[in-house]
Amino acid sequence: DLFINDYLIYYQFVNPIKGIAYIDDFMEDFFVRKCMWSNA
């Protein structure tokens, strides 16, 4: 839900089918910066 609704809709505006191409950006940038609970 975090990936497809918070990130893909409001940061990339793409549907989840096309969103697979954005997983790297989500994990390496968005998740680290925006999710306070991010750790290994």
ModelCIF file with pLDDT and N, C-alpha, C, O atoms, coordinates in Angstrom:
data_MODEL
#
_entry.id   MODEL 
#
_entity.id                         1 
_entity.type                       polymer 
_entity.pdbx_number_of_molecules   1 
#
_entity_poly.entity_id                      1 
_entity_poly.type                           'polypeptide(L)' 
_entity_poly.nstd_linkage                   no 
_entity_poly.nstd_monomer                   no 
_entity_poly.pdbx_seq_one_letter_code       DLFINDYLIYYQFVNPIKGIAYIDDFMEDFFVRKCMWSNA 
_entity_poly.pdbx_seq_one_letter_code_can   DLFINDYLIYYQFVNPIKGIAYIDDFMEDFFVRKCMWSNA 
_entity_poly.pdbx_strand_id                 A 
#
loop_
_entity_poly_seq.entity_id 
_entity_poly_seq.num 
_entity_poly_seq.mon_id 
_entity_poly_seq.hetero 
1 1  ASP n 
1 2  LEU n 
1 3  PHE n 
1 4  ILE n 
1 5  ASN n 
1 6  ASP n 
1 7  TYR n 
1 8  LEU n 
1 9  ILE n 
1 10 TYR n 
1 11 TYR n 
1 12 GLN n 
1 13 PHE n 
1 14 VAL n 
1 15 ASN n 
1 16 PRO n 
1 17 ILE n 
1 18 LYS n 
1 19 GLY n 
1 20 ILE n 
1 21 ALA n 
1 22 TYR n 
1 23 ILE n 
1 24 ASP n 
1 25 ASP n 
1 26 PHE n 
1 27 MET n 
1 28 GLU n 
1 29 ASP n 
1 30 PHE n 
1 31 PHE n 
1 32 VAL n 
1 33 ARG n 
1 34 LYS n 
1 35 CYS n 
1 36 MET n 
1 37 TRP n 
1 38 SER n 
1 39 ASN n 
1 40 ALA n 
#
_struct_asym.id          A 
_struct_asym.entity_id   1 
#
loop_
_ma_qa_metric.id 
_ma_qa_metric.mode 
_ma_qa_metric.name 
_ma_qa_metric.software_group_id 
_ma_qa_metric.type 
1 global pLDDT . pLDDT 
2 local  pLDDT . pLDDT 
#
_ma_qa_metric_global.metric_id      1 
_ma_qa_metric_global.metric_value   95.22 
_ma_qa_metric_global.model_id       1 
_ma_qa_metric_global.ordinal_id     1 
#
loop_
_ma_qa_metric_local.label_asym_id 
_ma_qa_metric_local.label_comp_id 
_ma_qa_metric_local.label_seq_id 
_ma_qa_metric_local.metric_id 
_ma_qa_metric_local.metric_value 
_ma_qa_metric_local.model_id 
_ma_qa_metric_local.ordinal_id 
A ASP 1  2 98.00 1 1  
A LEU 2  2 98.00 1 2  
A PHE 3  2 98.00 1 3  
A ILE 4  2 98.00 1 4  
A ASN 5  2 96.00 1 5  
A ASP 6  2 94.00 1 6  
A TYR 7  2 97.00 1 7  
A LEU 8  2 97.00 1 8  
A ILE 9  2 94.00 1 9  
A TYR 10 2 90.00 1 10 
A TYR 11 2 93.00 1 11 
A GLN 12 2 94.00 1 12 
A PHE 13 2 93.00 1 13 
A VAL 14 2 94.00 1 14 
A ASN 15 2 95.00 1 15 
A PRO 16 2 96.00 1 16 
A ILE 17 2 94.00 1 17 
A LYS 18 2 96.00 1 18 
A GLY 19 2 96.00 1 19 
A ILE 20 2 96.00 1 20 
A ALA 21 2 97.00 1 21 
A TYR 22 2 98.00 1 22 
A ILE 23 2 97.00 1 23 
A ASP 24 2 96.00 1 24 
A ASP 25 2 96.00 1 25 
A PHE 26 2 97.00 1 26 
A MET 27 2 97.00 1 27 
A GLU 28 2 95.00 1 28 
A ASP 29 2 95.00 1 29 
A PHE 30 2 96.00 1 30 
A PHE 31 2 96.00 1 31 
A VAL 32 2 94.00 1 32 
A ARG 33 2 94.00 1 33 
A LYS 34 2 93.00 1 34 
A CYS 35 2 93.00 1 35 
A MET 36 2 93.00 1 36 
A TRP 37 2 91.00 1 37 
A SER 38 2 94.00 1 38 
A ASN 39 2 95.00 1 39 
A ALA 40 2 95.00 1 40 
#
loop_
_atom_site.group_PDB 
_atom_site.id 
_atom_site.type_symbol 
_atom_site.label_atom_id 
_atom_site.label_alt_id 
_atom_site.label_comp_id 
_atom_site.label_asym_id 
_atom_site.label_entity_id 
_atom_site.label_seq_id 
_atom_site.pdbx_PDB_ins_code 
_atom_site.Cartn_x 
_atom_site.Cartn_y 
_atom_site.Cartn_z 
_atom_site.occupancy 
_atom_site.B_iso_or_equiv 
_atom_site.pdbx_formal_charge 
_atom_site.auth_seq_id 
_atom_site.auth_comp_id 
_atom_site.auth_asym_id 
_atom_site.auth_atom_id 
_atom_site.pdbx_PDB_model_num 
ATOM 1   N N  . ASP A 1 1  ? 0.829  -1.204 0.000   1.00 98.00 ? 1  ASP A N  1 
ATOM 2   C CA . ASP A 1 1  ? 0.000  0.000  0.000   1.00 98.00 ? 1  ASP A CA 1 
ATOM 3   C C  . ASP A 1 1  ? 0.868  1.261  0.000   1.00 98.00 ? 1  ASP A C  1 
ATOM 4   O O  . ASP A 1 1  ? 0.583  2.209  -0.731  1.00 98.00 ? 1  ASP A O  1 
ATOM 5   N N  . LEU A 1 2  ? 1.904  1.274  0.799   1.00 98.00 ? 2  LEU A N  1 
ATOM 6   C CA . LEU A 1 2  ? 2.821  2.416  0.839   1.00 98.00 ? 2  LEU A CA 1 
ATOM 7   C C  . LEU A 1 2  ? 3.419  2.655  -0.540  1.00 98.00 ? 2  LEU A C  1 
ATOM 8   O O  . LEU A 1 2  ? 3.482  3.794  -1.003  1.00 98.00 ? 2  LEU A O  1 
ATOM 9   N N  . PHE A 1 3  ? 3.851  1.604  -1.188  1.00 98.00 ? 3  PHE A N  1 
ATOM 10  C CA . PHE A 1 3  ? 4.468  1.733  -2.494  1.00 98.00 ? 3  PHE A CA 1 
ATOM 11  C C  . PHE A 1 3  ? 3.468  2.189  -3.555  1.00 98.00 ? 3  PHE A C  1 
ATOM 12  O O  . PHE A 1 3  ? 3.723  3.161  -4.267  1.00 98.00 ? 3  PHE A O  1 
ATOM 13  N N  . ILE A 1 4  ? 2.341  1.502  -3.668  1.00 98.00 ? 4  ILE A N  1 
ATOM 14  C CA . ILE A 1 4  ? 1.441  1.819  -4.789  1.00 98.00 ? 4  ILE A CA 1 
ATOM 15  C C  . ILE A 1 4  ? 0.576  3.053  -4.552  1.00 98.00 ? 4  ILE A C  1 
ATOM 16  O O  . ILE A 1 4  ? 0.228  3.748  -5.507  1.00 98.00 ? 4  ILE A O  1 
ATOM 17  N N  . ASN A 1 5  ? 0.224  3.338  -3.305  1.00 96.00 ? 5  ASN A N  1 
ATOM 18  C CA . ASN A 1 5  ? -0.643 4.494  -3.063  1.00 96.00 ? 5  ASN A CA 1 
ATOM 19  C C  . ASN A 1 5  ? 0.113  5.756  -2.668  1.00 96.00 ? 5  ASN A C  1 
ATOM 20  O O  . ASN A 1 5  ? -0.194 6.835  -3.173  1.00 96.00 ? 5  ASN A O  1 
ATOM 21  N N  . ASP A 1 6  ? 1.072  5.647  -1.798  1.00 94.00 ? 6  ASP A N  1 
ATOM 22  C CA . ASP A 1 6  ? 1.798  6.848  -1.386  1.00 94.00 ? 6  ASP A CA 1 
ATOM 23  C C  . ASP A 1 6  ? 2.873  7.244  -2.389  1.00 94.00 ? 6  ASP A C  1 
ATOM 24  O O  . ASP A 1 6  ? 3.007  8.419  -2.731  1.00 94.00 ? 6  ASP A O  1 
ATOM 25  N N  . TYR A 1 7  ? 3.630  6.276  -2.853  1.00 97.00 ? 7  TYR A N  1 
ATOM 26  C CA . TYR A 1 7  ? 4.738  6.606  -3.742  1.00 97.00 ? 7  TYR A CA 1 
ATOM 27  C C  . TYR A 1 7  ? 4.317  6.691  -5.209  1.00 97.00 ? 7  TYR A C  1 
ATOM 28  O O  . TYR A 1 7  ? 4.498  7.730  -5.843  1.00 97.00 ? 7  TYR A O  1 
ATOM 29  N N  . LEU A 1 8  ? 3.765  5.621  -5.747  1.00 97.00 ? 8  LEU A N  1 
ATOM 30  C CA . LEU A 1 8  ? 3.459  5.613  -7.180  1.00 97.00 ? 8  LEU A CA 1 
ATOM 31  C C  . LEU A 1 8  ? 2.423  6.653  -7.575  1.00 97.00 ? 8  LEU A C  1 
ATOM 32  O O  . LEU A 1 8  ? 2.557  7.284  -8.624  1.00 97.00 ? 8  LEU A O  1 
ATOM 33  N N  . ILE A 1 9  ? 1.402  6.844  -6.763  1.00 94.00 ? 9  ILE A N  1 
ATOM 34  C CA . ILE A 1 9  ? 0.380  7.822  -7.136  1.00 94.00 ? 9  ILE A CA 1 
ATOM 35  C C  . ILE A 1 9  ? 0.896  9.251  -6.977  1.00 94.00 ? 9  ILE A C  1 
ATOM 36  O O  . ILE A 1 9  ? 0.804  10.055 -7.905  1.00 94.00 ? 9  ILE A O  1 
ATOM 37  N N  . TYR A 1 10 ? 1.427  9.561  -5.821  1.00 90.00 ? 10 TYR A N  1 
ATOM 38  C CA . TYR A 1 10 ? 1.715  10.967 -5.521  1.00 90.00 ? 10 TYR A CA 1 
ATOM 39  C C  . TYR A 1 10 ? 3.120  11.432 -5.904  1.00 90.00 ? 10 TYR A C  1 
ATOM 40  O O  . TYR A 1 10 ? 3.389  12.633 -5.915  1.00 90.00 ? 10 TYR A O  1 
ATOM 41  N N  . TYR A 1 11 ? 4.012  10.498 -6.217  1.00 93.00 ? 11 TYR A N  1 
ATOM 42  C CA . TYR A 1 11 ? 5.355  10.910 -6.632  1.00 93.00 ? 11 TYR A CA 1 
ATOM 43  C C  . TYR A 1 11 ? 5.633  10.612 -8.099  1.00 93.00 ? 11 TYR A C  1 
ATOM 44  O O  . TYR A 1 11 ? 6.399  11.334 -8.738  1.00 93.00 ? 11 TYR A O  1 
ATOM 45  N N  . GLN A 1 12 ? 5.028  9.571  -8.639  1.00 94.00 ? 12 GLN A N  1 
ATOM 46  C CA . GLN A 1 12 ? 5.289  9.200  -10.032 1.00 94.00 ? 12 GLN A CA 1 
ATOM 47  C C  . GLN A 1 12 ? 4.040  9.265  -10.909 1.00 94.00 ? 12 GLN A C  1 
ATOM 48  O O  . GLN A 1 12 ? 4.151  9.382  -12.130 1.00 94.00 ? 12 GLN A O  1 
ATOM 49  N N  . PHE A 1 13 ? 2.889  9.193  -10.322 1.00 93.00 ? 13 PHE A N  1 
ATOM 50  C CA . PHE A 1 13 ? 1.600  9.105  -10.989 1.00 93.00 ? 13 PHE A CA 1 
ATOM 51  C C  . PHE A 1 13 ? 1.608  8.051  -12.106 1.00 93.00 ? 13 PHE A C  1 
ATOM 52  O O  . PHE A 1 13 ? 1.390  8.340  -13.283 1.00 93.00 ? 13 PHE A O  1 
ATOM 53  N N  . VAL A 1 14 ? 1.869  6.831  -11.674 1.00 94.00 ? 14 VAL A N  1 
ATOM 54  C CA . VAL A 1 14 ? 1.788  5.683  -12.571 1.00 94.00 ? 14 VAL A CA 1 
ATOM 55  C C  . VAL A 1 14 ? 1.040  4.563  -11.863 1.00 94.00 ? 14 VAL A C  1 
ATOM 56  O O  . VAL A 1 14 ? 0.978  4.523  -10.634 1.00 94.00 ? 14 VAL A O  1 
ATOM 57  N N  . ASN A 1 15 ? 0.479  3.666  -12.640 1.00 95.00 ? 15 ASN A N  1 
ATOM 58  C CA . ASN A 1 15 ? -0.204 2.524  -12.038 1.00 95.00 ? 15 ASN A CA 1 
ATOM 59  C C  . ASN A 1 15 ? 0.830  1.476  -11.634 1.00 95.00 ? 15 ASN A C  1 
ATOM 60  O O  . ASN A 1 15 ? 1.971  1.531  -12.094 1.00 95.00 ? 15 ASN A O  1 
ATOM 61  N N  . PRO A 1 16 ? 0.457  0.535  -10.794 1.00 96.00 ? 16 PRO A N  1 
ATOM 62  C CA . PRO A 1 16 ? 1.415  -0.460 -10.304 1.00 96.00 ? 16 PRO A CA 1 
ATOM 63  C C  . PRO A 1 16 ? 2.050  -1.312 -11.403 1.00 96.00 ? 16 PRO A C  1 
ATOM 64  O O  . PRO A 1 16 ? 3.175  -1.783 -11.235 1.00 96.00 ? 16 PRO A O  1 
ATOM 65  N N  . ILE A 1 17 ? 1.366  -1.517 -12.505 1.00 94.00 ? 17 ILE A N  1 
ATOM 66  C CA . ILE A 1 17 ? 1.947  -2.314 -13.589 1.00 94.00 ? 17 ILE A CA 1 
ATOM 67  C C  . ILE A 1 17 ? 3.199  -1.612 -14.114 1.00 94.00 ? 17 ILE A C  1 
ATOM 68  O O  . ILE A 1 17 ? 4.243  -2.244 -14.274 1.00 94.00 ? 17 ILE A O  1 
ATOM 69  N N  . LYS A 1 18 ? 3.100  -0.330 -14.378 1.00 96.00 ? 18 LYS A N  1 
ATOM 70  C CA . LYS A 1 18 ? 4.266  0.431  -14.828 1.00 96.00 ? 18 LYS A CA 1 
ATOM 71  C C  . LYS A 1 18 ? 5.199  0.752  -13.662 1.00 96.00 ? 18 LYS A C  1 
ATOM 72  O O  . LYS A 1 18 ? 6.374  1.058  -13.866 1.00 96.00 ? 18 LYS A O  1 
ATOM 73  N N  . GLY A 1 19 ? 4.675  0.683  -12.455 1.00 96.00 ? 19 GLY A N  1 
ATOM 74  C CA . GLY A 1 19 ? 5.425  1.055  -11.265 1.00 96.00 ? 19 GLY A CA 1 
ATOM 75  C C  . GLY A 1 19 ? 6.577  0.146  -10.923 1.00 96.00 ? 19 GLY A C  1 
ATOM 76  O O  . GLY A 1 19 ? 7.442  0.521  -10.132 1.00 96.00 ? 19 GLY A O  1 
ATOM 77  N N  . ILE A 1 20 ? 6.611  -1.033 -11.496 1.00 96.00 ? 20 ILE A N  1 
ATOM 78  C CA . ILE A 1 20 ? 7.721  -1.947 -11.208 1.00 96.00 ? 20 ILE A CA 1 
ATOM 79  C C  . ILE A 1 20 ? 9.060  -1.299 -11.576 1.00 96.00 ? 20 ILE A C  1 
ATOM 80  O O  . ILE A 1 20 ? 10.087 -1.611 -10.974 1.00 96.00 ? 20 ILE A O  1 
ATOM 81  N N  . ALA A 1 21 ? 9.047  -0.418 -12.543 1.00 97.00 ? 21 ALA A N  1 
ATOM 82  C CA . ALA A 1 21 ? 10.271 0.259  -12.976 1.00 97.00 ? 21 ALA A CA 1 
ATOM 83  C C  . ALA A 1 21 ? 10.779 1.267  -11.944 1.00 97.00 ? 21 ALA A C  1 
ATOM 84  O O  . ALA A 1 21 ? 11.907 1.748  -12.054 1.00 97.00 ? 21 ALA A O  1 
ATOM 85  N N  . TYR A 1 22 ? 9.960  1.587  -10.949 1.00 98.00 ? 22 TYR A N  1 
ATOM 86  C CA . TYR A 1 22 ? 10.318 2.604  -9.962  1.00 98.00 ? 22 TYR A CA 1 
ATOM 87  C C  . TYR A 1 22 ? 10.709 2.027  -8.602  1.00 98.00 ? 22 TYR A C  1 
ATOM 88  O O  . TYR A 1 22 ? 10.914 2.778  -7.650  1.00 98.00 ? 22 TYR A O  1 
ATOM 89  N N  . ILE A 1 23 ? 10.811 0.719  -8.504  1.00 97.00 ? 23 ILE A N  1 
ATOM 90  C CA . ILE A 1 23 ? 11.130 0.108  -7.210  1.00 97.00 ? 23 ILE A CA 1 
ATOM 91  C C  . ILE A 1 23 ? 12.491 0.576  -6.697  1.00 97.00 ? 23 ILE A C  1 
ATOM 92  O O  . ILE A 1 23 ? 12.636 0.877  -5.513  1.00 97.00 ? 23 ILE A O  1 
ATOM 93  N N  . ASP A 1 24 ? 13.479 0.637  -7.572  1.00 96.00 ? 24 ASP A N  1 
ATOM 94  C CA . ASP A 1 24 ? 14.813 1.072  -7.131  1.00 96.00 ? 24 ASP A CA 1 
ATOM 95  C C  . ASP A 1 24 ? 14.769 2.469  -6.530  1.00 96.00 ? 24 ASP A C  1 
ATOM 96  O O  . ASP A 1 24 ? 15.325 2.706  -5.458  1.00 96.00 ? 24 ASP A O  1 
ATOM 97  N N  . ASP A 1 25 ? 14.113 3.387  -7.215  1.00 96.00 ? 25 ASP A N  1 
ATOM 98  C CA . ASP A 1 25 ? 14.022 4.760  -6.702  1.00 96.00 ? 25 ASP A CA 1 
ATOM 99  C C  . ASP A 1 25 ? 13.275 4.802  -5.380  1.00 96.00 ? 25 ASP A C  1 
ATOM 100 O O  . ASP A 1 25 ? 13.657 5.530  -4.464  1.00 96.00 ? 25 ASP A O  1 
ATOM 101 N N  . PHE A 1 26 ? 12.210 4.018  -5.284  1.00 97.00 ? 26 PHE A N  1 
ATOM 102 C CA . PHE A 1 26 ? 11.444 3.956  -4.047  1.00 97.00 ? 26 PHE A CA 1 
ATOM 103 C C  . PHE A 1 26 ? 12.316 3.473  -2.898  1.00 97.00 ? 26 PHE A C  1 
ATOM 104 O O  . PHE A 1 26 ? 12.349 4.098  -1.838  1.00 97.00 ? 26 PHE A O  1 
ATOM 105 N N  . MET A 1 27 ? 13.023 2.367  -3.099  1.00 97.00 ? 27 MET A N  1 
ATOM 106 C CA . MET A 1 27 ? 13.821 1.778  -2.024  1.00 97.00 ? 27 MET A CA 1 
ATOM 107 C C  . MET A 1 27 ? 15.047 2.623  -1.675  1.00 97.00 ? 27 MET A C  1 
ATOM 108 O O  . MET A 1 27 ? 15.383 2.775  -0.500  1.00 97.00 ? 27 MET A O  1 
ATOM 109 N N  . GLU A 1 28 ? 15.707 3.167  -2.685  1.00 95.00 ? 28 GLU A N  1 
ATOM 110 C CA . GLU A 1 28 ? 16.963 3.883  -2.459  1.00 95.00 ? 28 GLU A CA 1 
ATOM 111 C C  . GLU A 1 28 ? 16.784 5.334  -2.032  1.00 95.00 ? 28 GLU A C  1 
ATOM 112 O O  . GLU A 1 28 ? 17.665 5.908  -1.392  1.00 95.00 ? 28 GLU A O  1 
ATOM 113 N N  . ASP A 1 29 ? 15.654 5.925  -2.381  1.00 95.00 ? 29 ASP A N  1 
ATOM 114 C CA . ASP A 1 29 ? 15.465 7.343  -2.079  1.00 95.00 ? 29 ASP A CA 1 
ATOM 115 C C  . ASP A 1 29 ? 14.255 7.582  -1.179  1.00 95.00 ? 29 ASP A C  1 
ATOM 116 O O  . ASP A 1 29 ? 14.401 7.981  -0.024  1.00 95.00 ? 29 ASP A O  1 
ATOM 117 N N  . PHE A 1 30 ? 13.069 7.337  -1.713  1.00 96.00 ? 30 PHE A N  1 
ATOM 118 C CA . PHE A 1 30 ? 11.840 7.659  -0.991  1.00 96.00 ? 30 PHE A CA 1 
ATOM 119 C C  . PHE A 1 30 ? 11.769 6.961  0.360   1.00 96.00 ? 30 PHE A C  1 
ATOM 120 O O  . PHE A 1 30 ? 11.544 7.609  1.382   1.00 96.00 ? 30 PHE A O  1 
ATOM 121 N N  . PHE A 1 31 ? 11.958 5.658  0.373   1.00 96.00 ? 31 PHE A N  1 
ATOM 122 C CA . PHE A 1 31 ? 11.808 4.889  1.608   1.00 96.00 ? 31 PHE A CA 1 
ATOM 123 C C  . PHE A 1 31 ? 12.792 5.353  2.682   1.00 96.00 ? 31 PHE A C  1 
ATOM 124 O O  . PHE A 1 31 ? 12.432 5.482  3.852   1.00 96.00 ? 31 PHE A O  1 
ATOM 125 N N  . VAL A 1 32 ? 14.013 5.598  2.278   1.00 94.00 ? 32 VAL A N  1 
ATOM 126 C CA . VAL A 1 32 ? 15.047 6.027  3.225   1.00 94.00 ? 32 VAL A CA 1 
ATOM 127 C C  . VAL A 1 32 ? 14.755 7.427  3.764   1.00 94.00 ? 32 VAL A C  1 
ATOM 128 O O  . VAL A 1 32 ? 14.919 7.682  4.957   1.00 94.00 ? 32 VAL A O  1 
ATOM 129 N N  . ARG A 1 33 ? 14.324 8.328  2.891   1.00 94.00 ? 33 ARG A N  1 
ATOM 130 C CA . ARG A 1 33 ? 14.091 9.713  3.305   1.00 94.00 ? 33 ARG A CA 1 
ATOM 131 C C  . ARG A 1 33 ? 12.764 9.937  4.018   1.00 94.00 ? 33 ARG A C  1 
ATOM 132 O O  . ARG A 1 33 ? 12.696 10.708 4.975   1.00 94.00 ? 33 ARG A O  1 
ATOM 133 N N  . LYS A 1 34 ? 11.718 9.272  3.564   1.00 93.00 ? 34 LYS A N  1 
ATOM 134 C CA . LYS A 1 34 ? 10.370 9.581  4.037   1.00 93.00 ? 34 LYS A CA 1 
ATOM 135 C C  . LYS A 1 34 ? 9.842  8.665  5.140   1.00 93.00 ? 34 LYS A C  1 
ATOM 136 O O  . LYS A 1 34 ? 8.915  9.038  5.860   1.00 93.00 ? 34 LYS A O  1 
ATOM 137 N N  . CYS A 1 35 ? 10.411 7.492  5.279   1.00 93.00 ? 35 CYS A N  1 
ATOM 138 C CA . CYS A 1 35 ? 9.902  6.529  6.256   1.00 93.00 ? 35 CYS A CA 1 
ATOM 139 C C  . CYS A 1 35 ? 10.841 6.481  7.454   1.00 93.00 ? 35 CYS A C  1 
ATOM 140 O O  . CYS A 1 35 ? 11.944 5.940  7.375   1.00 93.00 ? 35 CYS A O  1 
ATOM 141 N N  . MET A 1 36 ? 10.390 7.049  8.551   1.00 93.00 ? 36 MET A N  1 
ATOM 142 C CA . MET A 1 36 ? 11.235 7.158  9.742   1.00 93.00 ? 36 MET A CA 1 
ATOM 143 C C  . MET A 1 36 ? 11.658 5.798  10.282  1.00 93.00 ? 36 MET A C  1 
ATOM 144 O O  . MET A 1 36 ? 12.682 5.698  10.957  1.00 93.00 ? 36 MET A O  1 
ATOM 145 N N  . TRP A 1 37 ? 10.903 4.769  10.002  1.00 91.00 ? 37 TRP A N  1 
ATOM 146 C CA . TRP A 1 37 ? 11.196 3.439  10.510  1.00 91.00 ? 37 TRP A CA 1 
ATOM 147 C C  . TRP A 1 37 ? 12.165 2.671  9.604   1.00 91.00 ? 37 TRP A C  1 
ATOM 148 O O  . TRP A 1 37 ? 12.440 1.496  9.849   1.00 91.00 ? 37 TRP A O  1 
ATOM 149 N N  . SER A 1 38 ? 12.682 3.325  8.562   1.00 94.00 ? 38 SER A N  1 
ATOM 150 C CA . SER A 1 38 ? 13.549 2.588  7.637   1.00 94.00 ? 38 SER A CA 1 
ATOM 151 C C  . SER A 1 38 ? 14.865 2.199  8.302   1.00 94.00 ? 38 SER A C  1 
ATOM 152 O O  . SER A 1 38 ? 15.545 3.019  8.918   1.00 94.00 ? 38 SER A O  1 
ATOM 153 N N  . ASN A 1 39 ? 15.195 0.933  8.157   1.00 95.00 ? 39 ASN A N  1 
ATOM 154 C CA . ASN A 1 39 ? 16.461 0.371  8.611   1.00 95.00 ? 39 ASN A CA 1 
ATOM 155 C C  . ASN A 1 39 ? 16.702 -0.874 7.759   1.00 95.00 ? 39 ASN A C  1 
ATOM 156 O O  . ASN A 1 39 ? 15.907 -1.175 6.869   1.00 95.00 ? 39 ASN A O  1 
ATOM 157 N N  . ALA A 1 40 ? 17.771 -1.586 8.018   1.00 95.00 ? 40 ALA A N  1 
ATOM 158 C CA . ALA A 1 40 ? 18.106 -2.745 7.192   1.00 95.00 ? 40 ALA A CA 1 
ATOM 159 C C  . ALA A 1 40 ? 16.981 -3.784 7.193   1.00 95.00 ? 40 ALA A C  1 
ATOM 160 O O  . ALA A 1 40 ? 17.101 -4.824 6.545   1.00 95.00 ? 40 ALA A O  1 
#
